Protein backbone atom coordinates (compact mmCIF):
# COMPACT_ATOMS: atom_id res chain seq x y z
CA MET A 1 171.44 118.19 18.98
CA GLN A 2 167.74 117.11 18.93
CA PRO A 3 167.01 113.33 18.76
CA ARG A 4 165.83 111.92 15.45
CA THR A 5 162.44 111.27 16.98
CA TYR A 6 162.08 114.95 18.21
CA LEU A 7 158.94 115.86 16.26
CA HIS A 8 157.09 112.66 17.04
CA ASP A 9 157.93 112.93 20.76
CA LEU A 10 156.88 116.55 20.87
CA LEU A 11 153.64 115.74 19.19
CA VAL A 12 152.92 113.00 21.66
CA SER A 13 153.85 115.13 24.70
CA THR A 14 151.63 117.96 23.36
CA ILE A 15 148.59 115.80 22.67
CA PHE A 16 148.70 113.54 25.72
CA THR A 17 148.97 116.04 28.56
CA GLU A 18 148.88 115.26 32.31
CA GLY A 19 145.61 113.46 33.32
CA LEU A 20 145.19 111.64 30.07
CA ASP A 21 145.97 107.97 29.50
CA ALA A 22 149.75 107.65 29.57
CA GLU A 23 149.54 104.24 27.79
CA MET A 24 147.78 105.70 24.71
CA ASP A 25 149.72 106.50 21.58
CA LEU A 26 148.94 108.25 18.32
CA TRP A 27 147.96 105.05 16.65
CA ALA A 28 145.48 104.02 19.39
CA LEU A 29 144.10 107.60 19.34
CA GLY A 30 143.59 107.44 15.56
CA PHE A 31 145.52 110.64 15.03
CA SER A 32 144.88 112.61 11.87
CA ALA A 33 146.04 116.08 10.68
CA LEU A 34 145.51 117.93 7.52
CA TRP A 35 147.16 121.02 6.08
CA ILE A 36 145.54 122.90 3.16
CA THR A 37 146.37 125.99 1.15
CA GLY A 38 144.70 127.88 -1.70
CA ALA A 39 141.48 128.71 0.21
CA ASP A 40 140.62 130.73 3.24
CA LEU A 41 138.80 129.37 6.33
CA ASP A 42 135.42 130.82 5.25
CA ALA A 43 135.61 128.78 2.06
CA LEU A 44 136.74 125.54 3.84
CA ALA A 45 134.37 125.72 6.88
CA PRO A 46 131.38 124.01 5.11
CA ALA A 47 133.52 121.00 4.03
CA PHE A 48 134.75 120.50 7.58
CA HIS A 49 131.33 121.38 9.13
CA LEU A 50 133.01 124.15 11.25
CA ASP A 51 130.85 126.71 13.02
CA LEU A 52 133.13 129.73 12.75
CA ALA A 53 131.05 131.59 15.31
CA THR A 54 132.35 129.29 18.06
CA ARG A 55 135.98 130.11 17.35
CA ALA A 56 138.08 130.46 20.57
CA PRO A 57 141.80 130.57 21.31
CA CYS A 58 143.28 127.16 21.92
CA TYR A 59 146.69 125.31 22.08
CA LEU A 60 147.04 121.92 20.53
CA SER A 61 147.75 120.56 24.00
CA GLU A 62 144.06 121.47 24.90
CA ILE A 63 142.25 120.17 21.93
CA LEU A 64 141.84 116.43 22.95
CA ASP A 65 139.83 117.46 25.96
CA HIS A 66 137.61 119.88 23.95
CA ASN A 67 137.29 117.32 21.09
CA ILE A 68 136.03 114.79 23.57
CA ASP A 69 133.73 117.30 25.18
CA ASP A 70 132.08 119.05 22.26
CA GLY A 71 133.66 117.78 19.06
CA SER A 72 135.88 120.77 18.62
CA ASP A 73 138.65 120.81 16.04
CA TRP A 74 141.97 122.59 16.27
CA VAL A 75 142.42 125.00 13.48
CA ALA A 76 145.70 126.86 12.87
CA GLU A 77 146.65 129.36 10.18
CA VAL A 78 150.42 129.83 9.22
CA ASN A 79 152.09 131.12 6.03
CA GLY A 80 148.99 130.69 3.93
CA TRP A 81 148.32 127.09 5.18
CA ILE A 82 145.43 125.99 7.37
CA GLY A 83 146.01 123.05 9.65
CA ILE A 84 143.19 121.00 11.23
CA VAL A 85 143.34 118.34 13.95
CA PRO A 86 141.52 115.87 13.76
CA ALA A 87 140.67 115.89 10.09
CA ARG A 88 139.46 113.41 7.53
CA SER A 89 142.21 111.83 5.61
CA ASP A 90 140.39 109.48 3.06
CA GLU A 91 141.46 109.99 -0.51
CA GLU A 92 137.98 110.89 -1.81
CA PHE A 93 137.74 113.77 0.61
CA LEU A 94 141.30 115.08 -0.18
CA LEU A 95 140.62 115.03 -3.85
CA SER A 96 137.34 116.82 -3.43
CA ILE A 97 138.78 119.73 -1.22
CA THR A 98 141.84 120.29 -3.49
CA GLU A 99 139.88 121.11 -6.63
CA ASP A 100 140.45 124.52 -8.18
CA GLY A 101 144.19 124.56 -7.52
CA ARG A 102 144.26 123.88 -3.74
CA GLN A 103 146.84 121.71 -2.17
CA ALA A 104 146.52 119.39 0.91
CA LEU A 105 148.86 117.34 3.07
CA SER A 106 147.66 114.60 5.33
CA LEU A 107 149.30 112.62 8.01
CA SER A 108 147.24 109.92 9.79
CA MET A 109 147.77 106.87 12.06
CA ASN A 110 145.15 104.20 12.83
CA ILE A 111 144.48 101.57 15.44
CA GLN A 112 145.83 98.87 13.05
CA GLY A 113 149.29 100.31 13.60
CA ARG A 114 149.44 101.84 10.10
CA GLU A 115 150.42 105.37 9.04
CA TYR A 116 149.87 107.38 5.93
CA PHE A 117 151.23 110.49 4.34
CA LYS A 118 149.28 111.95 1.43
CA TYR A 119 149.83 115.02 -0.86
CA ALA A 120 146.98 116.05 -3.08
CA ARG A 121 146.76 118.97 -5.49
CA ASP A 122 144.11 120.31 -7.86
CA GLY A 123 141.79 117.42 -7.40
CA ARG A 124 144.35 114.61 -7.91
CA MET A 125 146.59 112.47 -5.61
CA VAL A 126 150.15 113.49 -6.37
CA VAL A 127 151.86 111.09 -3.95
CA SER A 128 150.99 108.91 -1.04
CA PHE A 129 153.12 106.48 1.06
CA SER A 130 153.56 104.99 4.38
CA PRO A 131 156.37 106.81 6.32
CA THR A 132 157.74 103.46 7.42
CA TRP A 133 157.89 102.03 3.88
CA PRO A 134 158.20 104.86 1.36
CA GLU A 135 159.70 102.60 -1.32
CA GLU A 136 156.01 101.84 -2.23
CA ARG A 137 154.62 105.15 -3.35
CA PHE A 138 151.36 105.80 -5.18
CA GLY A 139 149.84 108.69 -7.07
CA ASP A 140 150.25 110.56 -10.25
CA ASP A 141 153.81 111.61 -9.56
CA PRO A 142 155.28 109.38 -6.91
CA HIS A 143 158.63 111.22 -6.85
CA ALA A 144 157.27 114.74 -6.78
CA LEU A 145 158.60 115.49 -3.27
CA ASP A 146 161.97 113.70 -3.60
CA HIS A 147 163.83 116.98 -3.73
CA LEU A 148 162.41 117.92 -0.26
CA MET A 149 163.24 114.58 1.34
CA ASP A 150 167.02 114.88 1.46
CA GLY A 151 168.34 113.94 4.88
CA LEU A 152 165.03 112.58 6.14
CA ARG A 153 164.87 108.95 7.09
CA PHE A 154 161.63 106.96 6.73
CA GLN A 155 162.13 103.32 6.10
CA ILE A 156 162.29 100.82 8.87
CA THR A 157 165.68 99.61 7.62
CA ASP A 158 168.03 101.84 5.65
CA GLY A 159 169.49 99.93 2.75
CA GLY A 160 169.21 96.69 4.66
CA VAL A 161 171.93 97.75 7.19
CA LEU A 162 170.53 96.55 10.47
CA ASP A 163 172.74 98.63 12.68
CA ASP A 164 171.25 101.82 11.07
CA ARG A 165 167.67 101.03 11.70
CA VAL A 166 165.10 103.68 11.29
CA GLU A 167 162.41 103.23 14.01
CA GLN A 168 158.74 103.90 13.55
CA TYR A 169 158.87 107.16 15.66
CA GLU A 170 161.77 108.50 13.48
CA SER A 171 159.71 107.85 10.41
CA ILE A 172 156.87 109.86 11.78
CA SER A 173 159.29 112.66 12.75
CA SER A 174 160.67 112.68 9.24
CA ALA A 175 157.02 112.90 7.82
CA LEU A 176 156.36 115.90 10.03
CA ALA A 177 159.66 117.53 8.99
CA LEU A 178 158.65 116.98 5.27
CA ILE A 179 155.34 118.81 6.00
CA GLY A 180 157.33 121.61 7.54
CA ARG A 181 159.45 121.86 4.34
CA ILE A 182 156.47 121.90 1.95
CA THR A 183 154.62 124.51 4.03
CA GLU A 184 157.84 126.50 4.79
CA THR A 185 156.97 126.56 8.49
CA ASP A 186 158.45 125.35 11.73
CA ILE A 187 156.40 122.31 12.75
CA ALA A 188 157.30 122.71 16.43
CA THR A 189 157.01 126.44 17.09
CA ASP A 190 154.52 127.49 14.43
CA TRP A 191 152.17 124.64 14.90
CA PHE A 192 152.52 122.37 17.92
CA GLN A 193 153.54 124.97 20.46
CA ALA A 194 151.63 128.00 19.19
CA ARG A 195 148.25 129.12 20.26
CA HIS A 196 145.64 129.01 17.42
CA SER A 197 141.88 128.16 17.64
CA ARG A 198 139.42 125.59 18.47
CA ILE A 199 136.06 125.52 16.55
CA ARG A 200 132.96 123.48 17.25
CA PRO A 201 131.11 121.62 14.54
CA VAL A 202 127.92 122.97 13.12
CA SER A 203 124.98 121.74 15.37
C-alpha cells in the first residue's frame, strides 16, 4: 500500500535529483504547474512564450537543470491535456488562457509556505482553495469538484480529531490526485515518470 504522501514524495524525488540541494523543498523552489485542455500546443505557445522549434525530449527529472540553464519549460501532452512546469499561476493569466471553452488546473507553492489549487474554465475561476485549508473555497462554483474529492484528505486536521492529522505533504498528494481524476490520467506514470518535452522560451 502506498503512503498517503506518495505523490508529493514522488514529485520531490523527481524534481530534486542527485546533485541538487537536498535541503530545498517545493515551497522554497516556488514550484508551479499548469494543466490545460481545449487548445493545442501551437495555439498556446504564444501565451507561454514557447519557441516550438527548440522542442527536445525531456523527463521531468531533468527540467530543473535545463530551466536554470536556458529557461526551458517542461511540456507534456496526455489525454487531451497539456501540462507545463514551471507555469504562471496568477488568476488573471488563468482567466485569459481559458477563454473560448478551455479549462485549466493550477497547483503552486511559494516561498511564504503557502500552496494554491485553482480550476478555471471558459474565462472564469470555478474554484480555488489551499490544499491545507479547503474549507475556505473561492470562485463561481466552490463545490464544483466535490464529487471528485471523495477519499482525498486535504485539511490539516480532519474534523478536529488530532490523532487523525492530515499533514501538509498529504494535502499536496491529495491535490495531485485530484488533478489526476479531473484529467483522467495517472499523475505518476503519465506525467512525473514519463518522457515528454522541454521547450525554450522565445528569444
